[in-house]
Amino acid sequence: EQEQDNIYCQAASADPDIMYLHEARKEPDWPQFQKAMHKEVDGQIANKNFRVTHRTKIPSDAQVLPGVWALRRKRKILTGEVYKHKARLNLDGSRQIKGVHYDKTYAPVAAWSVIRLLLVLVLAWGWKARQIDYILAFTQAPTERPMFMDIPKGYTVSKGNPKDYVLEILANTY
């Protein structure tokens, strides 16, 4: 029985639709991932979470952290057809230093037991339920101190060489 659980865990973590940038570049649908990447960064800039800043304008003691792409194909459950390519730009948290880049780490979430209880009550009492998804919901709180991220691989800036620019992080990011 323990061997079956081990095999199940390995299968669940080997999802071919979840990949890093170097893996996605080898896929035939790479152009769709590129579009998703541009949509992600452009959306973050439009929401005023990021700002493109020239490297000469950042403080000399500022650490510029790398970004990491998490890419995913989203499929329809019944047909397995890919209906969306998703890109999420994450700040490389392994390079952050407590007290320099962050102080507190807390994200309130509902426990699954509470969600299940709520769904049982919806069924039992005949209530109406609606699911909503807030796009970029986490990235709303302003940062407490200046933070900077390298222009991520696979993204270009219209102003010139991407190596001359950074993304100034104005609000929390993943």
Protein backbone atom coordinates (compact mmCIF):
# COMPACT_ATOMS: atom_id res chain seq x y z
CA GLU A 1 0.00 0.00 0.00
CA GLN A 2 2.85 2.41 0.80
CA GLU A 3 4.40 1.72 -2.62
CA GLN A 4 1.14 2.70 -4.36
CA ASP A 5 1.06 6.02 -2.48
CA ASN A 6 4.64 6.72 -3.54
CA ILE A 7 3.84 6.07 -7.20
CA TYR A 8 0.75 8.30 -6.97
CA CYS A 9 2.79 11.17 -5.50
CA GLN A 10 5.41 10.90 -8.23
CA ALA A 11 2.74 10.92 -10.93
CA ALA A 12 1.08 14.00 -9.44
CA SER A 13 4.34 15.98 -9.36
CA ALA A 14 5.29 15.12 -12.95
CA ASP A 15 2.55 17.15 -14.65
CA PRO A 16 3.74 17.76 -18.23
CA ASP A 17 1.66 20.95 -18.42
CA ILE A 18 3.60 22.71 -15.62
CA MET A 19 7.09 23.80 -16.60
CA TYR A 20 9.91 26.27 -16.24
CA LEU A 21 11.06 28.61 -19.01
CA HIS A 22 13.85 26.36 -20.34
CA GLU A 23 11.35 23.50 -20.68
CA ALA A 24 8.65 25.60 -22.35
CA ARG A 25 11.10 26.91 -24.96
CA LYS A 26 11.43 23.36 -26.31
CA GLU A 27 7.66 22.90 -26.71
CA PRO A 28 5.79 23.38 -30.02
CA ASP A 29 3.39 25.85 -28.33
CA TRP A 30 6.23 28.13 -27.18
CA PRO A 31 4.74 31.17 -29.03
CA GLN A 32 1.58 30.91 -26.89
CA PHE A 33 3.72 30.86 -23.75
CA GLN A 34 5.55 33.98 -24.98
CA LYS A 35 2.22 35.77 -25.40
CA ALA A 36 1.20 34.71 -21.88
CA MET A 37 4.50 36.01 -20.50
CA HIS A 38 4.04 39.40 -22.12
CA LYS A 39 0.43 39.51 -20.89
CA GLU A 40 1.62 38.79 -17.31
CA VAL A 41 4.28 41.52 -17.23
CA ASP A 42 2.13 44.04 -19.12
CA GLY A 43 -0.73 43.34 -16.68
CA GLN A 44 1.54 43.86 -13.68
CA ILE A 45 2.80 47.14 -15.15
CA ALA A 46 -0.74 48.30 -16.00
CA ASN A 47 -1.84 47.53 -12.43
CA LYS A 48 1.11 49.60 -11.18
CA ASN A 49 2.71 46.60 -9.47
CA PHE A 50 5.90 46.97 -11.54
CA ARG A 51 7.62 49.89 -13.21
CA VAL A 52 10.41 49.63 -15.78
CA THR A 53 13.37 51.60 -14.40
CA HIS A 54 16.83 52.25 -15.82
CA ARG A 55 19.59 50.65 -13.75
CA THR A 56 21.30 54.03 -13.26
CA LYS A 57 18.23 55.24 -11.30
CA ILE A 58 18.28 52.56 -8.61
CA PRO A 59 20.18 53.04 -5.32
CA SER A 60 23.75 51.73 -5.40
CA ASP A 61 23.13 49.48 -2.37
CA ALA A 62 19.95 47.95 -3.82
CA GLN A 63 20.01 44.25 -4.57
CA VAL A 64 18.42 43.30 -7.88
CA LEU A 65 16.73 39.93 -7.50
CA PRO A 66 16.12 37.48 -10.34
CA GLY A 67 12.66 36.55 -11.52
CA VAL A 68 11.46 33.00 -12.15
CA TRP A 69 8.78 31.99 -14.64
CA ALA A 70 6.17 29.36 -13.79
CA LEU A 71 4.39 28.34 -17.00
CA ARG A 72 1.34 26.17 -17.38
CA ARG A 73 -1.10 24.88 -19.95
CA LYS A 74 -4.71 24.89 -18.78
CA ARG A 75 -6.91 22.14 -20.20
CA LYS A 76 -10.63 21.47 -20.38
CA ILE A 77 -11.37 18.62 -17.98
CA LEU A 78 -13.62 16.60 -20.27
CA THR A 79 -11.72 16.85 -23.55
CA GLY A 80 -8.13 17.52 -22.44
CA GLU A 81 -7.99 20.35 -24.98
CA VAL A 82 -5.62 23.20 -24.11
CA TYR A 83 -7.69 26.37 -23.76
CA LYS A 84 -5.18 28.72 -22.13
CA HIS A 85 -1.46 29.24 -21.62
CA LYS A 86 -0.63 30.84 -18.30
CA ALA A 87 2.57 32.54 -17.18
CA ARG A 88 3.30 33.67 -13.64
CA LEU A 89 6.35 35.80 -12.89
CA ASN A 90 7.71 35.07 -9.43
CA LEU A 91 10.42 36.83 -7.49
CA ASP A 92 13.17 34.35 -6.60
CA GLY A 93 12.44 34.07 -2.89
CA SER A 94 15.59 32.04 -2.21
CA ARG A 95 17.63 35.22 -2.66
CA GLN A 96 15.55 37.38 -0.33
CA ILE A 97 16.85 38.27 3.12
CA LYS A 98 14.51 38.66 6.10
CA GLY A 99 14.65 42.21 7.40
CA VAL A 100 15.99 43.50 4.08
CA HIS A 101 13.40 42.38 1.52
CA TYR A 102 10.57 41.38 3.86
CA ASP A 103 9.56 41.30 7.51
CA LYS A 104 6.35 39.32 7.75
CA THR A 105 5.11 36.45 5.63
CA TYR A 106 1.42 35.80 6.05
CA ALA A 107 -1.28 35.08 3.54
CA PRO A 108 -4.72 34.31 4.98
CA VAL A 109 -6.42 31.41 3.24
CA ALA A 110 -9.49 29.32 3.99
CA ALA A 111 -8.93 25.78 5.24
CA TRP A 112 -10.35 23.02 3.04
CA SER A 113 -12.50 21.80 5.97
CA VAL A 114 -14.20 25.23 6.09
CA ILE A 115 -14.77 25.23 2.32
CA ARG A 116 -16.26 21.71 2.47
CA LEU A 117 -18.53 22.72 5.37
CA LEU A 118 -19.71 25.76 3.44
CA LEU A 119 -20.48 23.63 0.37
CA VAL A 120 -22.43 21.13 2.51
CA LEU A 121 -24.46 24.01 3.97
CA VAL A 122 -25.12 25.32 0.44
CA LEU A 123 -26.51 21.91 -0.55
CA ALA A 124 -28.42 21.33 2.69
CA TRP A 125 -30.11 24.72 2.79
CA GLY A 126 -30.55 25.22 -0.94
CA TRP A 127 -28.45 28.37 -0.99
CA LYS A 128 -27.02 29.81 -4.18
CA ALA A 129 -23.24 29.71 -4.50
CA ARG A 130 -20.96 31.49 -6.90
CA GLN A 131 -17.27 31.04 -7.53
CA ILE A 132 -15.17 34.10 -8.32
CA ASP A 133 -11.54 34.45 -9.23
CA TYR A 134 -9.70 37.69 -8.58
CA ILE A 135 -6.98 38.08 -11.17
CA LEU A 136 -3.75 39.31 -9.60
CA ALA A 137 -5.56 39.52 -6.23
CA PHE A 138 -2.47 38.84 -4.13
CA THR A 139 -0.47 41.60 -5.76
CA GLN A 140 -2.42 44.52 -4.32
CA ALA A 141 -0.51 45.58 -1.18
CA PRO A 142 2.28 48.13 -1.69
CA THR A 143 5.82 47.09 -0.82
CA GLU A 144 7.29 48.56 2.35
CA ARG A 145 10.77 49.15 0.91
CA PRO A 146 12.20 49.54 -2.60
CA MET A 147 12.73 46.23 -4.40
CA PHE A 148 14.03 45.49 -7.88
CA MET A 149 13.91 42.51 -10.22
CA ASP A 150 15.94 41.79 -13.33
CA ILE A 151 13.98 41.99 -16.56
CA PRO A 152 12.92 38.34 -16.83
CA LYS A 153 14.28 36.11 -19.56
CA GLY A 154 11.92 35.90 -22.48
CA TYR A 155 10.62 39.46 -22.01
CA THR A 156 11.84 42.50 -23.92
CA VAL A 157 11.52 46.21 -23.18
CA SER A 158 10.67 48.72 -25.86
CA LYS A 159 13.18 51.22 -24.44
CA GLY A 160 16.34 49.35 -25.40
CA ASN A 161 18.59 46.61 -24.07
CA PRO A 162 16.81 44.65 -21.29
CA LYS A 163 20.10 44.39 -19.36
CA ASP A 164 20.04 48.19 -18.89
CA TYR A 165 16.66 48.05 -17.12
CA VAL A 166 15.06 46.46 -14.09
CA LEU A 167 11.50 46.05 -12.86
CA GLU A 168 10.92 48.19 -9.78
CA ILE A 169 8.49 46.28 -7.62
CA LEU A 170 5.80 48.62 -6.31
CA ALA A 171 3.39 46.03 -4.86
CA ASN A 172 3.64 42.51 -3.53
CA THR A 173 4.41 39.88 -6.10
CA TYR A 174 4.54 36.10 -6.14
